[in-house]
Amino acid sequence: HELDENRVLALAVPESDERKLGSYIAKIKAIISKVV
């Protein structure tokens, strides 16, 4: 049943949220690269 749950979770998360998360991670990486 784990696969079914993962499918439901994947469908439950809109693409827009994934894009926001991606841009958020990109911003963090950019900040870290500036500090280092």
PDB file of N, CA and C in Angstrom:
ATOM      1  N   HIS A   1       0.831  -1.218   0.000  1.00  0.00           N
ATOM      2  CA  HIS A   1       0.000   0.000   0.000  1.00  0.00           C
ATOM      3  C   HIS A   1       0.863   1.266   0.000  1.00  0.00           C
ATOM      4  N   GLU A   2       2.141   1.106   0.227  1.00  0.00           N
ATOM      5  CA  GLU A   2       3.016   2.284   0.283  1.00  0.00           C
ATOM      6  C   GLU A   2       3.039   3.004  -1.057  1.00  0.00           C
ATOM      7  N   LEU A   3       3.092   2.222  -2.143  1.00  0.00           N
ATOM      8  CA  LEU A   3       3.134   2.833  -3.475  1.00  0.00           C
ATOM      9  C   LEU A   3       1.874   3.658  -3.712  1.00  0.00           C
ATOM     10  N   ASP A   4       0.723   3.117  -3.308  1.00  0.00           N
ATOM     11  CA  ASP A   4      -0.530   3.837  -3.503  1.00  0.00           C
ATOM     12  C   ASP A   4      -0.514   5.152  -2.728  1.00  0.00           C
ATOM     13  N   GLU A   5       0.006   5.117  -1.510  1.00  0.00           N
ATOM     14  CA  GLU A   5       0.064   6.335  -0.692  1.00  0.00           C
ATOM     15  C   GLU A   5       0.966   7.365  -1.352  1.00  0.00           C
ATOM     16  N   ASN A   6       2.087   6.906  -1.908  1.00  0.00           N
ATOM     17  CA  ASN A   6       3.015   7.828  -2.563  1.00  0.00           C
ATOM     18  C   ASN A   6       2.355   8.460  -3.774  1.00  0.00           C
ATOM     19  N   ARG A   7       1.562   7.665  -4.492  1.00  0.00           N
ATOM     20  CA  ARG A   7       0.875   8.195  -5.678  1.00  0.00           C
ATOM     21  C   ARG A   7      -0.109   9.273  -5.267  1.00  0.00           C
ATOM     22  N   VAL A   8      -0.841   9.007  -4.187  1.00  0.00           N
ATOM     23  CA  VAL A   8      -1.829   9.982  -3.701  1.00  0.00           C
ATOM     24  C   VAL A   8      -1.130  11.267  -3.283  1.00  0.00           C
ATOM     25  N   LEU A   9      -0.012  11.136  -2.577  1.00  0.00           N
ATOM     26  CA  LEU A   9       0.731  12.313  -2.123  1.00  0.00           C
ATOM     27  C   LEU A   9       1.240  13.103  -3.319  1.00  0.00           C
ATOM     28  N   ALA A  10       1.743  12.385  -4.341  1.00  0.00           N
ATOM     29  CA  ALA A  10       2.278  13.051  -5.525  1.00  0.00           C
ATOM     30  C   ALA A  10       1.167  13.818  -6.232  1.00  0.00           C
ATOM     31  N   LEU A  11      -0.025  13.220  -6.305  1.00  0.00           N
ATOM     32  CA  LEU A  11      -1.142  13.880  -6.977  1.00  0.00           C
ATOM     33  C   LEU A  11      -1.672  15.032  -6.132  1.00  0.00           C
ATOM     34  N   ALA A  12      -1.535  14.911  -4.821  1.00  0.00           N
ATOM     35  CA  ALA A  12      -2.074  15.924  -3.913  1.00  0.00           C
ATOM     36  C   ALA A  12      -1.257  17.211  -3.969  1.00  0.00           C
ATOM     37  N   VAL A  13       0.018  17.093  -4.344  1.00  0.00           N
ATOM     38  CA  VAL A  13       0.876  18.280  -4.401  1.00  0.00           C
ATOM     39  C   VAL A  13       0.824  18.901  -5.789  1.00  0.00           C
ATOM     40  N   PRO A  14       0.261  20.100  -5.914  1.00  0.00           N
ATOM     41  CA  PRO A  14       0.180  20.783  -7.208  1.00  0.00           C
ATOM     42  C   PRO A  14       1.563  21.110  -7.754  1.00  0.00           C
ATOM     43  N   GLU A  15       1.656  21.243  -9.084  1.00  0.00           N
ATOM     44  CA  GLU A  15       2.943  21.559  -9.698  1.00  0.00           C
ATOM     45  C   GLU A  15       3.434  22.924  -9.229  1.00  0.00           C
ATOM     46  N   SER A  16       2.512  23.848  -8.991  1.00  0.00           N
ATOM     47  CA  SER A  16       2.895  25.197  -8.560  1.00  0.00           C
ATOM     48  C   SER A  16       3.679  25.134  -7.253  1.00  0.00           C
ATOM     49  N   ASP A  17       3.250  24.268  -6.349  1.00  0.00           N
ATOM     50  CA  ASP A  17       3.948  24.137  -5.064  1.00  0.00           C
ATOM     51  C   ASP A  17       5.349  23.589  -5.284  1.00  0.00           C
ATOM     52  N   GLU A  18       5.473  22.646  -6.234  1.00  0.00           N
ATOM     53  CA  GLU A  18       6.789  22.065  -6.514  1.00  0.00           C
ATOM     54  C   GLU A  18       7.711  23.136  -7.073  1.00  0.00           C
ATOM     55  N   ARG A  19       7.158  24.020  -7.913  1.00  0.00           N
ATOM     56  CA  ARG A  19       7.968  25.100  -8.492  1.00  0.00           C
ATOM     57  C   ARG A  19       8.410  26.056  -7.394  1.00  0.00           C
ATOM     58  N   LYS A  20       7.509  26.365  -6.474  1.00  0.00           N
ATOM     59  CA  LYS A  20       7.853  27.261  -5.358  1.00  0.00           C
ATOM     60  C   LYS A  20       8.960  26.644  -4.523  1.00  0.00           C
ATOM     61  N   LEU A  21       8.853  25.344  -4.266  1.00  0.00           N
ATOM     62  CA  LEU A  21       9.860  24.651  -3.468  1.00  0.00           C
ATOM     63  C   LEU A  21      11.195  24.674  -4.199  1.00  0.00           C
ATOM     64  N   GLY A  22      11.157  24.461  -5.517  1.00  0.00           N
ATOM     65  CA  GLY A  22      12.385  24.458  -6.315  1.00  0.00           C
ATOM     66  C   GLY A  22      13.068  25.812  -6.276  1.00  0.00           C
ATOM     67  N   SER A  23      12.285  26.883  -6.434  1.00  0.00           N
ATOM     68  CA  SER A  23      12.863  28.229  -6.419  1.00  0.00           C
ATOM     69  C   SER A  23      13.376  28.556  -5.018  1.00  0.00           C
ATOM     70  N   TYR A  24      12.688  28.064  -4.001  1.00  0.00           N
ATOM     71  CA  TYR A  24      13.101  28.288  -2.610  1.00  0.00           C
ATOM     72  C   TYR A  24      14.454  27.639  -2.357  1.00  0.00           C
ATOM     73  N   ILE A  25      14.612  26.399  -2.823  1.00  0.00           N
ATOM     74  CA  ILE A  25      15.883  25.683  -2.665  1.00  0.00           C
ATOM     75  C   ILE A  25      16.974  26.398  -3.448  1.00  0.00           C
ATOM     76  N   ALA A  26      16.630  26.884  -4.642  1.00  0.00           N
ATOM     77  CA  ALA A  26      17.613  27.582  -5.480  1.00  0.00           C
ATOM     78  C   ALA A  26      18.104  28.835  -4.761  1.00  0.00           C
ATOM     79  N   LYS A  27      17.189  29.550  -4.114  1.00  0.00           N
ATOM     80  CA  LYS A  27      17.568  30.767  -3.380  1.00  0.00           C
ATOM     81  C   LYS A  27      18.512  30.423  -2.233  1.00  0.00           C
ATOM     82  N   ILE A  28      18.202  29.351  -1.523  1.00  0.00           N
ATOM     83  CA  ILE A  28      19.055  28.937  -0.403  1.00  0.00           C
ATOM     84  C   ILE A  28      20.450  28.594  -0.904  1.00  0.00           C
ATOM     85  N   LYS A  29      20.515  27.841  -2.017  1.00  0.00           N
ATOM     86  CA  LYS A  29      21.816  27.462  -2.577  1.00  0.00           C
ATOM     87  C   LYS A  29      22.591  28.704  -2.988  1.00  0.00           C
ATOM     88  N   ALA A  30      21.887  29.700  -3.556  1.00  0.00           N
ATOM     89  CA  ALA A  30      22.540  30.933  -3.990  1.00  0.00           C
ATOM     90  C   ALA A  30      23.117  31.662  -2.782  1.00  0.00           C
ATOM     91  N   ILE A  31      22.361  31.730  -1.703  1.00  0.00           N
ATOM     92  CA  ILE A  31      22.818  32.410  -0.485  1.00  0.00           C
ATOM     93  C   ILE A  31      24.028  31.683   0.093  1.00  0.00           C
ATOM     94  N   ILE A  32      23.962  30.358   0.131  1.00  0.00           N
ATOM     95  CA  ILE A  32      25.082  29.574   0.675  1.00  0.00           C
ATOM     96  C   ILE A  32      26.331  29.793  -0.167  1.00  0.00           C
ATOM     97  N   SER A  33      26.173  29.811  -1.494  1.00  0.00           N
ATOM     98  CA  SER A  33      27.332  29.987  -2.374  1.00  0.00           C
ATOM     99  C   SER A  33      27.952  31.364  -2.165  1.00  0.00           C
ATOM    100  N   LYS A  34      27.124  32.365  -1.859  1.00  0.00           N
ATOM    101  CA  LYS A  34      27.637  33.720  -1.612  1.00  0.00           C
ATOM    102  C   LYS A  34      28.428  33.747  -0.307  1.00  0.00           C
ATOM    103  N   VAL A  35      27.923  33.070   0.711  1.00  0.00           N
ATOM    104  CA  VAL A  35      28.590  33.035   2.011  1.00  0.00           C
ATOM    105  C   VAL A  35      29.919  32.296   1.898  1.00  0.00           C
ATOM    106  N   VAL A  36      29.908  31.173   1.196  1.00  0.00           N
ATOM    107  CA  VAL A  36      31.129  30.377   1.040  1.00  0.00           C
ATOM    108  C   VAL A  36      31.960  31.007  -0.064  1.00  0.00           C
TER     109      VAL A  36
END
